[in-house]
Structure formats: C-alpha cells, structure tokens
C-alpha cells in the first residue's frame, strides 16, 4: 500500500478537501499511473451530493484521468513505463459474461467496478482521479495517442466516449440529421464527434447564448428550445437526437422532432424521475433509448478517432484548490466546456 494525496468529500454535500488515501501495491497485471490531469464531470457532483442515491465516503471523485505510466507489474504486456494512458469510468468487470467477452464491459452482467464510489473485487474502496496517482489493471487502461495533449484528452474518457458510443451505434454519419440537446461538457463533444462523423448537426439549447460557440464546434444549425416555434419548424426532422442534459425535459415535444424510425438517446441522468406519454412514440415507430459510456475497445477507438480528427475537449484548467468553486460554476452552466484539474497542484 502507498499513501498519496487526494481531494475528497468527507461526507455527502460537504466541500472537497485535501487528504491522503491508500493505493494498493502494484500487482502482477497492474500499472501505476502518475495522474497529470483529471476532468470534472457533472457525475462527480451528482455523486458527491448523493443525487443518485446513497454513496460511500470519504469519496475521491474523478473518472476522466490522463497520465503517464510509472511502474508496471511483472505480467503486464500492454504498457511500459513512460506510456501516455487514460482511465475512464470503470476499472474492472467480471470478464466472464457475454457483455464483457464482447468488449461491452460497461454493461457487465454483474456490474462493472466503477472508478470511484465503489468497492473493488478485492473488497477495498475505489478512489478516483482527483489524486496524485492510481493503480489499475492493464485491461482497463487505454492508450492516449501522441496527437492528443493530455489535458484536452482527459475529458474524452467520459464526455468523449459517452457521446461517441451512441453516435456510432445509431449510425450517425453522412446523410443523417443529428440533434444534440444541450451544449455543455457532454454536448460540446457530441457536436464535435457528430460533425467529424459526417452528420448534419443541430444544437438544441435553451437559449441562443452559445450559438457562436456551437457553430464553431461544428454545428450546422442552432435553435433555442425556449422558443415554441422551434418545435413547429423542426417537427419530423431528425434521425437521431442525443440528449446530454441532466434535467427532465418535455419528452413528447422532443420526440415529435424525430422522423420515422428516429431515435432519441439519453446520456444525461436526471436526479428526479421523468415522465413520458407513450402516445408520443406511436405513429412513426420512434424509439426512446439510452447509452452508458463505452467498453474498453470502443474507448480506445474513440481516442484514436479524436486524435485522427484533431478533437480534444474545450477546457478550463484549474488548480485543485478551485474544485469547490468549479462545482458551483458547473451547476450554474458557467464553464466552456470542461474543467480539468492540474493534479500537480494537489
């Protein structure tokens, strides 16, 4: 075991503070990663504040991790000291179920082991990326291509894969009209990736405040959902709607924007229940679905795609001492578009 510095929430809804945590010794198939940057995801705030249910404390959040390998176990074959690597939302899974064997570890039948706020298969708590280093099995680590700087790559480990996976699964590409609901940490990457895939991209945001940004990021069109005329003008338009917001919506209104056989896929997870009228799905064989991150192979595919197309997150780099202020700014939608912690400041 090794003691390392970290930022943790000591209790639900408490401010994060500097502390020390224990990391396990490097095992046969483990890599030790010197964390350079860690993104702040809205999921971190939900879990620190127990918005998604009871959580474990002290909690060290962070599942957008980018760093350098500094030690490898004797059985490691995929990585060497000095490699540029990332860790996303999970650090283990059963490896035996059909989903795991298919590279869909995020849908492990027994549940994946999450990077933080979880218990590892060795019975110890998992702690995330708001820390100096992390020890992870090599099979749950991905390689960050040289074409991506580590700071803008870190958010790709959640925001990137969470949008890439459904866009690929629902065949976003040339000839397809894709709408992205919300232009935040997830949404801005959804726009970039959908554009790079060749789709015609529309942003649906509450207001036109970020319109210039949206168009620069790759959107072809930008509409305000606060304007009722938007829903009249765009009725029956989209093949795919990617909903990135973590708040309840008028699902009937948004579903009306789908063309026949269109799908609305939710990657944001509100804390409160949502309502839907089933009649809004009838008539045009519309689908309402969801998607959760991506498996390890697809996460690597996403990173390679982003490097090939020059796609990194739009970030604001902060010191660890600014984490609590950053949380408040995320809740106020005052970030363009992802806070990233320089972990050297921990």
Protein backbone atom coordinates (compact mmCIF):
# COMPACT_ATOMS: atom_id res chain seq x y z
CA UNK A 1 0.00 0.00 0.00
CA UNK A 2 1.08 3.54 -0.76
CA UNK A 3 -0.20 6.78 0.73
CA UNK A 4 -0.97 9.52 -1.80
CA UNK A 5 -2.51 12.98 -1.67
CA UNK A 6 -6.03 13.48 -2.99
CA UNK A 7 -9.08 15.72 -2.81
CA UNK A 8 -12.08 14.04 -1.21
CA UNK A 9 -15.57 14.81 0.02
CA UNK A 10 -15.61 13.67 3.68
CA UNK A 11 -19.40 13.41 3.72
CA UNK A 12 -22.41 13.93 1.47
CA UNK A 13 -22.74 17.52 0.25
CA UNK A 14 -19.55 18.52 2.10
CA UNK A 15 -16.90 20.60 0.33
CA UNK A 16 -13.97 18.65 -1.02
CA UNK A 17 -10.73 18.96 0.93
CA UNK A 18 -7.16 17.80 0.61
CA UNK A 19 -6.49 14.49 2.32
CA UNK A 20 -4.48 11.28 1.97
CA UNK A 21 -5.68 7.90 0.66
CA UNK A 22 -4.20 4.44 0.32
CA UNK A 23 -3.44 2.95 -3.07
CA UNK A 24 -2.83 -0.78 -3.41
CA UNK A 25 0.59 -2.12 -4.29
CA UNK A 26 1.19 -2.74 -7.98
CA UNK A 27 0.09 -6.30 -8.73
CA UNK A 28 1.17 -8.66 -11.48
CA UNK A 29 -1.16 -7.17 -14.11
CA UNK A 30 -1.37 -3.62 -12.76
CA UNK A 31 0.01 -0.33 -13.98
CA UNK A 32 0.78 2.62 -11.74
CA UNK A 33 -0.27 5.88 -13.37
CA UNK A 34 1.07 9.27 -12.39
CA UNK A 35 -2.07 11.34 -12.94
CA UNK A 36 -1.42 14.58 -14.80
CA UNK A 37 -4.96 15.80 -15.41
CA UNK A 38 -8.45 14.89 -14.19
CA UNK A 39 -11.66 16.23 -15.67
CA UNK A 40 -14.62 17.37 -13.58
CA UNK A 41 -17.77 15.62 -14.79
CA UNK A 42 -21.29 16.54 -13.68
CA UNK A 43 -21.48 12.93 -12.46
CA UNK A 44 -18.90 13.83 -9.81
CA UNK A 45 -21.25 16.46 -8.41
CA UNK A 46 -24.28 14.15 -8.52
CA UNK A 47 -22.41 11.53 -6.51
CA UNK A 48 -20.71 13.82 -4.00
CA UNK A 49 -24.13 15.29 -3.23
CA UNK A 50 -25.88 11.88 -3.26
CA UNK A 51 -28.17 13.00 -6.04
CA UNK A 52 -28.23 9.48 -7.44
CA UNK A 53 -28.70 7.73 -4.11
CA UNK A 54 -26.65 6.75 -1.09
CA UNK A 55 -22.90 6.96 -1.62
CA UNK A 56 -19.71 5.96 0.19
CA UNK A 57 -17.47 8.48 1.95
CA UNK A 58 -14.82 9.73 2.02
CA UNK A 59 -15.21 9.99 -1.77
CA UNK A 60 -12.44 10.89 -4.19
CA UNK A 61 -14.25 11.65 -7.47
CA UNK A 62 -12.80 11.70 -10.96
CA UNK A 63 -13.23 9.32 -13.88
CA UNK A 64 -11.62 11.38 -16.62
CA UNK A 65 -7.98 10.52 -15.94
CA UNK A 66 -4.93 11.16 -18.12
CA UNK A 67 -1.37 10.45 -17.06
CA UNK A 68 1.91 8.61 -17.51
CA UNK A 69 2.76 5.02 -16.59
CA UNK A 70 5.47 4.98 -13.92
CA UNK A 71 5.50 1.29 -12.92
CA UNK A 72 4.16 -1.97 -14.35
CA UNK A 73 3.56 -5.39 -12.85
CA UNK A 74 5.59 -8.40 -13.90
CA UNK A 75 2.79 -9.78 -16.08
CA UNK A 76 1.90 -6.56 -17.90
CA UNK A 77 2.24 -6.78 -21.69
CA UNK A 78 0.22 -3.82 -22.99
CA UNK A 79 2.04 -0.88 -21.42
CA UNK A 80 5.51 0.23 -20.43
CA UNK A 81 6.90 2.94 -18.19
CA UNK A 82 6.55 6.28 -19.93
CA UNK A 83 3.39 5.45 -21.88
CA UNK A 84 0.64 8.07 -22.11
CA UNK A 85 -2.56 6.49 -20.83
CA UNK A 86 -6.08 7.16 -19.63
CA UNK A 87 -8.65 5.66 -17.28
CA UNK A 88 -12.36 6.25 -17.60
CA UNK A 89 -15.44 5.39 -15.59
CA UNK A 90 -14.61 1.77 -14.74
CA UNK A 91 -11.58 -0.13 -13.51
CA UNK A 92 -12.79 -3.73 -13.59
CA UNK A 93 -15.65 -6.07 -14.51
CA UNK A 94 -16.41 -9.77 -14.23
CA UNK A 95 -14.66 -10.56 -17.58
CA UNK A 96 -16.80 -13.69 -17.92
CA UNK A 97 -20.28 -12.63 -19.01
CA UNK A 98 -21.32 -12.24 -22.64
CA UNK A 99 -21.09 -8.46 -22.48
CA UNK A 100 -17.58 -8.49 -21.07
CA UNK A 101 -16.45 -11.02 -23.67
CA UNK A 102 -17.93 -8.79 -26.38
CA UNK A 103 -15.96 -5.78 -25.17
CA UNK A 104 -19.03 -4.19 -23.60
CA UNK A 105 -17.63 -4.13 -20.08
CA UNK A 106 -19.81 -1.14 -19.19
CA UNK A 107 -22.80 -3.49 -19.38
CA UNK A 108 -21.22 -6.27 -17.32
CA UNK A 109 -23.96 -8.60 -16.05
CA UNK A 110 -22.54 -8.40 -12.53
CA UNK A 111 -21.92 -4.69 -12.84
CA UNK A 112 -18.59 -3.07 -13.59
CA UNK A 113 -16.38 -1.77 -10.81
CA UNK A 114 -16.63 2.00 -11.07
CA UNK A 115 -13.52 4.15 -10.79
CA UNK A 116 -14.79 5.76 -7.59
CA UNK A 117 -17.65 5.41 -5.10
CA UNK A 118 -17.49 1.65 -5.47
CA UNK A 119 -15.85 -1.40 -3.94
CA UNK A 120 -13.21 -3.31 -5.87
CA UNK A 121 -13.25 -7.05 -6.21
CA UNK A 122 -10.58 -7.14 -3.51
CA UNK A 123 -13.07 -5.56 -1.08
CA UNK A 124 -11.36 -2.16 -0.88
CA UNK A 125 -12.99 1.14 -1.84
CA UNK A 126 -12.20 2.68 -5.21
CA UNK A 127 -10.92 6.24 -5.33
CA UNK A 128 -10.89 8.38 -8.46
CA UNK A 129 -8.70 10.77 -10.32
CA UNK A 130 -8.62 13.80 -8.02
CA UNK A 131 -5.36 12.35 -6.72
CA UNK A 132 -1.66 12.00 -7.43
CA UNK A 133 -1.75 8.51 -8.87
CA UNK A 134 -3.87 5.41 -9.38
CA UNK A 135 -3.24 1.67 -9.76
CA UNK A 136 -5.35 -0.03 -12.42
CA UNK A 137 -5.39 -3.43 -14.13
CA UNK A 138 -3.85 -3.05 -17.59
CA UNK A 139 -7.04 -4.35 -19.23
CA UNK A 140 -8.98 -1.27 -18.06
CA UNK A 141 -6.41 1.26 -19.22
CA UNK A 142 -6.38 2.89 -22.67
CA UNK A 143 -3.58 4.48 -24.66
CA UNK A 144 -3.72 8.21 -25.40
CA UNK A 145 -2.37 8.82 -28.92
CA UNK A 146 0.51 11.23 -29.37
CA UNK A 147 -1.74 13.57 -31.35
CA UNK A 148 -3.73 14.47 -28.23
CA UNK A 149 -2.34 16.56 -25.38
CA UNK A 150 -3.15 15.02 -22.01
CA UNK A 151 -5.13 17.98 -20.69
CA UNK A 152 -7.69 18.04 -23.52
CA UNK A 153 -7.70 14.23 -23.70
CA UNK A 154 -8.74 13.71 -20.07
CA UNK A 155 -12.44 14.64 -20.59
CA UNK A 156 -12.63 12.25 -23.52
CA UNK A 157 -12.51 9.37 -21.04
CA UNK A 158 -16.12 10.16 -20.11
CA UNK A 159 -17.54 13.04 -22.17
CA UNK A 160 -15.92 11.74 -25.34
CA UNK A 161 -16.91 8.08 -25.09
CA UNK A 162 -20.37 8.84 -23.67
CA UNK A 163 -21.23 10.70 -26.88
CA UNK A 164 -19.13 8.68 -29.35
CA UNK A 165 -20.70 5.34 -28.40
CA UNK A 166 -24.35 6.23 -29.17
CA UNK A 167 -23.42 8.26 -32.24
CA UNK A 168 -21.67 5.20 -33.65
CA UNK A 169 -24.33 2.73 -32.52
CA UNK A 170 -27.15 4.74 -34.10
CA UNK A 171 -25.13 5.26 -37.28
CA UNK A 172 -24.55 9.00 -37.23
CA UNK A 173 -22.80 9.89 -40.46
CA UNK A 174 -23.27 11.29 -43.96
CA UNK A 175 -26.92 11.73 -44.87
CA UNK A 176 -28.06 11.64 -41.23
CA UNK A 177 -29.53 14.57 -39.33
CA UNK A 178 -28.41 14.59 -35.68
CA UNK A 179 -29.60 16.93 -32.94
CA UNK A 180 -27.60 17.42 -29.74
CA UNK A 181 -29.63 18.65 -26.79
CA UNK A 182 -27.52 20.83 -24.52
CA UNK A 183 -24.13 22.38 -25.21
CA UNK A 184 -22.18 21.55 -22.07
CA UNK A 185 -19.39 19.14 -21.19
CA UNK A 186 -21.05 16.24 -22.98
CA UNK A 187 -22.87 18.23 -25.64
CA UNK A 188 -19.86 20.07 -26.99
CA UNK A 189 -18.07 16.77 -27.58
CA UNK A 190 -21.24 15.33 -29.14
CA UNK A 191 -21.25 18.19 -31.64
CA UNK A 192 -17.56 17.76 -32.48
CA UNK A 193 -17.81 14.00 -32.92
CA UNK A 194 -21.08 14.02 -34.88
CA UNK A 195 -19.63 16.62 -37.23
CA UNK A 196 -16.44 14.60 -37.69
CA UNK A 197 -18.56 11.52 -38.48
CA UNK A 198 -20.14 13.48 -41.33
CA UNK A 199 -23.63 14.07 -39.96
CA UNK A 200 -25.65 17.27 -40.34
CA UNK A 201 -25.61 18.60 -36.77
CA UNK A 202 -28.14 20.79 -34.98
CA UNK A 203 -27.79 22.07 -31.42
CA UNK A 204 -30.97 22.38 -29.38
CA UNK A 205 -30.24 24.62 -26.40
CA UNK A 206 -32.44 26.60 -24.03
CA UNK A 207 -31.22 29.87 -25.48
CA UNK A 208 -29.04 31.20 -28.29
CA UNK A 209 -26.38 32.35 -25.82
CA UNK A 210 -23.83 29.80 -27.03
CA UNK A 211 -24.80 29.86 -30.71
CA UNK A 212 -21.46 31.21 -31.94
CA UNK A 213 -19.62 28.53 -29.98
CA UNK A 214 -21.88 25.79 -31.29
CA UNK A 215 -21.28 26.77 -34.90
CA UNK A 216 -17.52 26.96 -34.35
CA UNK A 217 -17.57 23.47 -32.79
CA UNK A 218 -19.14 22.03 -35.93
CA UNK A 219 -22.90 22.53 -35.69
CA UNK A 220 -24.72 23.37 -38.91
CA UNK A 221 -27.77 24.80 -37.13
CA UNK A 222 -28.61 26.12 -33.67
CA UNK A 223 -32.09 26.57 -32.17
CA UNK A 224 -33.47 27.76 -28.83
CA UNK A 225 -35.83 25.28 -27.19
CA UNK A 226 -37.34 28.10 -25.14
CA UNK A 227 -38.96 29.28 -28.39
CA UNK A 228 -42.11 27.21 -29.13
CA UNK A 229 -41.65 27.90 -32.83
CA UNK A 230 -38.55 25.67 -32.75
CA UNK A 231 -40.72 22.61 -32.22
CA UNK A 232 -43.03 23.63 -35.05
CA UNK A 233 -40.22 24.31 -37.50
CA UNK A 234 -38.29 21.11 -36.76
CA UNK A 235 -41.12 18.60 -36.48
CA UNK A 236 -40.18 15.26 -38.05
CA UNK A 237 -36.63 16.37 -38.88
CA UNK A 238 -34.06 14.22 -37.10
CA UNK A 239 -32.78 10.68 -37.44
CA UNK A 240 -31.14 10.88 -34.02
CA UNK A 241 -31.49 13.16 -31.00
CA UNK A 242 -28.69 12.88 -28.45
CA UNK A 243 -29.91 14.28 -25.13
CA UNK A 244 -26.96 15.29 -22.95
CA UNK A 245 -28.76 17.25 -20.23
CA UNK A 246 -29.29 16.01 -16.68
CA UNK A 247 -32.68 17.64 -16.18
CA UNK A 248 -36.23 16.48 -17.02
CA UNK A 249 -37.49 17.50 -20.46
CA UNK A 250 -40.82 17.62 -22.24
CA UNK A 251 -40.12 14.31 -23.95
CA UNK A 252 -43.27 14.47 -26.08
CA UNK A 253 -42.08 17.73 -27.61
CA UNK A 254 -38.61 16.41 -28.37
CA UNK A 255 -39.86 13.08 -29.70
CA UNK A 256 -42.05 14.98 -32.17
CA UNK A 257 -38.84 16.18 -33.82
CA UNK A 258 -37.91 12.65 -34.90
CA UNK A 259 -38.62 11.36 -38.37
CA UNK A 260 -39.97 7.84 -38.93
CA UNK A 261 -37.73 5.26 -37.20
CA UNK A 262 -35.79 8.03 -35.48
CA UNK A 263 -34.34 7.57 -32.00
CA UNK A 264 -33.86 9.84 -29.01
CA UNK A 265 -30.98 8.61 -26.88
CA UNK A 266 -30.37 9.89 -23.36
CA UNK A 267 -26.89 10.11 -21.91
CA UNK A 268 -27.70 12.64 -19.18
CA UNK A 269 -29.16 11.17 -15.99
CA UNK A 270 -31.53 13.43 -14.03
CA UNK A 271 -31.75 13.00 -10.29
CA UNK A 272 -35.55 13.08 -10.37
CA UNK A 273 -37.98 10.75 -12.21
CA UNK A 274 -39.14 11.80 -15.65
CA UNK A 275 -42.50 11.35 -17.32
CA UNK A 276 -43.30 10.28 -20.84
CA UNK A 277 -46.56 9.81 -22.70
CA UNK A 278 -46.34 6.62 -24.75
CA UNK A 279 -48.53 8.14 -27.45
CA UNK A 280 -45.54 10.30 -28.38
CA UNK A 281 -43.76 7.17 -29.63
CA UNK A 282 -46.65 5.92 -31.73
CA UNK A 283 -47.26 6.63 -35.38
CA UNK A 284 -43.70 6.98 -36.59
CA UNK A 285 -42.04 3.99 -34.91
CA UNK A 286 -39.91 6.35 -32.84
CA UNK A 287 -37.57 5.00 -30.16
CA UNK A 288 -36.55 6.35 -26.77
CA UNK A 289 -33.33 4.82 -25.51
CA UNK A 290 -30.19 5.41 -23.50
CA UNK A 291 -26.49 4.69 -23.63
CA UNK A 292 -23.82 4.27 -20.99
CA UNK A 293 -20.19 5.20 -21.69
CA UNK A 294 -18.46 2.54 -23.84
CA UNK A 295 -16.41 -0.60 -23.47
CA UNK A 296 -12.62 -0.61 -23.39
CA UNK A 297 -12.18 -1.41 -27.11
CA UNK A 298 -14.61 1.33 -28.14
CA UNK A 299 -12.98 3.83 -25.78
CA UNK A 300 -9.65 3.17 -27.49
CA UNK A 301 -11.36 3.51 -30.87
CA UNK A 302 -12.79 6.85 -29.78
CA UNK A 303 -9.41 8.17 -28.68
CA UNK A 304 -7.83 7.12 -31.97
CA UNK A 305 -10.69 8.78 -33.87
CA UNK A 306 -10.32 12.00 -31.89
CA UNK A 307 -6.58 12.06 -32.50
CA UNK A 308 -7.10 11.44 -36.22
CA UNK A 309 -9.59 14.33 -36.45
CA UNK A 310 -7.85 16.68 -34.04
CA UNK A 311 -10.65 16.57 -31.49
CA UNK A 312 -9.97 17.45 -27.88
CA UNK A 313 -12.24 18.88 -25.22
CA UNK A 314 -12.59 22.63 -24.78
CA UNK A 315 -11.20 23.05 -21.27
CA UNK A 316 -10.57 25.47 -18.44
CA UNK A 317 -7.54 24.30 -16.47
CA UNK A 318 -7.81 24.81 -12.71
CA UNK A 319 -5.82 24.17 -9.55
CA UNK A 320 -7.10 21.59 -7.09
CA UNK A 321 -7.88 24.38 -4.62
CA UNK A 322 -10.53 25.61 -7.08
CA UNK A 323 -12.55 22.37 -7.20
CA UNK A 324 -15.38 23.53 -4.96
CA UNK A 325 -15.77 26.78 -6.89
CA UNK A 326 -15.72 24.79 -10.11
CA UNK A 327 -18.59 22.61 -8.86
CA UNK A 328 -20.72 25.70 -8.28
CA UNK A 329 -19.85 27.03 -11.71
CA UNK A 330 -20.80 23.73 -13.36
CA UNK A 331 -24.19 23.91 -11.68
CA UNK A 332 -24.55 27.48 -12.96
CA UNK A 333 -23.55 26.39 -16.50
CA UNK A 334 -20.57 28.73 -16.20
CA UNK A 335 -17.90 26.67 -17.93
CA UNK A 336 -16.89 26.34 -21.56
CA UNK A 337 -16.83 23.45 -21.59
CA UNK A 338 -14.98 21.21 -19.15
CA UNK A 339 -13.00 21.97 -16.02
CA UNK A 340 -9.78 19.98 -15.85
CA UNK A 341 -7.69 19.75 -12.68
CA UNK A 342 -3.93 20.12 -12.95
CA UNK A 343 -3.15 17.36 -10.47
CA UNK A 344 0.34 18.73 -9.88
CA UNK A 345 -1.47 21.26 -7.65
CA UNK A 346 -2.80 18.57 -5.31
